[in-house]
Amino acid sequence: MSRPLNPDLTKHWKISLPATLAGIVEFYLFDPLHGKPIYGSRGKLIATLLEDWVRQQKEAASSPPIAPEQTPQDTHADARN
């Protein structure tokens, strides 16, 4: 069975992760039949996480800014004048 064609170009990134985190991820993606993570599962996971992050960034950029909290006026200062 061949891999499905990807309509988008790919960009190879070489990244370093803490070994503990990488081990946990590979544990969850492990295929017991082949004795290793399922082919392409790490890339799919990273792509999904990054797509969600980009979507959140776009939503945050398009939402109106949050007004700073109003600080209460010092009523004692007004009473002294």
Protein backbone atom coordinates (compact mmCIF):
# COMPACT_ATOMS: atom_id res chain seq x y z
CA MET A 1 0.00 0.00 0.00
CA SER A 2 1.51 3.31 -1.03
CA ARG A 3 1.34 6.54 0.90
CA PRO A 4 -1.46 8.94 -0.07
CA LEU A 5 -0.32 11.98 -1.99
CA ASN A 6 0.04 15.15 0.03
CA PRO A 7 -1.35 18.16 -1.87
CA ASP A 8 0.84 20.51 0.16
CA LEU A 9 4.61 20.78 -0.04
CA THR A 10 6.56 19.67 3.01
CA LYS A 11 9.29 21.43 4.94
CA HIS A 12 11.73 19.36 6.97
CA TRP A 13 12.58 20.76 10.40
CA LYS A 14 15.26 19.36 12.62
CA ILE A 15 14.24 20.01 16.23
CA SER A 16 15.47 18.85 19.61
CA LEU A 17 13.11 17.77 22.36
CA PRO A 18 13.73 16.65 25.91
CA ALA A 19 14.27 12.87 25.87
CA THR A 20 11.57 12.35 28.51
CA LEU A 21 8.95 14.15 26.41
CA ALA A 22 10.00 12.31 23.25
CA GLY A 23 9.77 8.99 25.09
CA ILE A 24 6.26 9.72 26.35
CA VAL A 25 5.10 10.73 22.87
CA GLU A 26 6.60 7.61 21.31
CA PHE A 27 4.96 5.50 24.01
CA TYR A 28 1.53 6.80 23.01
CA LEU A 29 2.27 6.43 19.28
CA PHE A 30 3.83 2.96 19.62
CA ASP A 31 2.74 0.18 17.26
CA PRO A 32 3.25 -3.17 19.04
CA LEU A 33 3.07 -5.09 15.76
CA HIS A 34 6.12 -3.34 14.33
CA GLY A 35 7.85 -2.50 17.60
CA LYS A 36 8.12 1.23 16.83
CA PRO A 37 5.92 4.31 16.48
CA ILE A 38 3.39 4.14 13.65
CA TYR A 39 4.89 5.51 10.44
CA GLY A 40 4.15 9.22 10.08
CA SER A 41 2.38 9.50 13.43
CA ARG A 42 4.88 11.95 14.92
CA GLY A 43 4.64 14.25 11.93
CA LYS A 44 0.83 14.08 11.97
CA LEU A 45 0.80 14.88 15.70
CA ILE A 46 3.11 17.88 15.30
CA ALA A 47 1.18 19.14 12.25
CA THR A 48 -2.14 18.86 14.13
CA LEU A 49 -0.77 20.66 17.19
CA LEU A 50 0.73 23.44 15.05
CA GLU A 51 -2.47 23.84 13.01
CA ASP A 52 -4.45 24.25 16.25
CA TRP A 53 -1.89 26.78 17.53
CA VAL A 54 -2.02 28.80 14.28
CA ARG A 55 -5.84 28.79 14.41
CA GLN A 56 -5.74 30.09 18.01
CA GLN A 57 -3.29 32.83 17.01
CA LYS A 58 -5.56 33.92 14.15
CA GLU A 59 -8.59 33.96 16.46
CA ALA A 60 -6.71 36.00 19.05
CA ALA A 61 -5.55 38.47 16.39
CA SER A 62 -9.06 38.92 15.00
CA SER A 63 -10.82 39.32 18.35
CA PRO A 64 -11.20 42.81 19.82
CA PRO A 65 -8.59 43.72 22.41
CA ILE A 66 -9.55 43.32 26.04
CA ALA A 67 -9.97 46.66 27.79
CA PRO A 68 -7.65 47.13 30.76
CA GLU A 69 -9.36 46.85 34.10
CA GLN A 70 -10.57 50.13 35.54
CA THR A 71 -8.82 50.97 38.77
CA PRO A 72 -11.12 52.37 41.43
CA GLN A 73 -10.58 56.02 42.25
CA ASP A 74 -9.19 56.81 45.68
CA THR A 75 -12.24 58.18 47.48
CA HIS A 76 -10.16 59.26 50.48
CA ALA A 77 -8.06 61.63 48.37
CA ASP A 78 -11.22 63.30 47.07
CA ALA A 79 -12.58 63.68 50.60
CA ARG A 80 -9.41 65.49 51.79
CA ASN A 81 -9.64 68.18 49.10
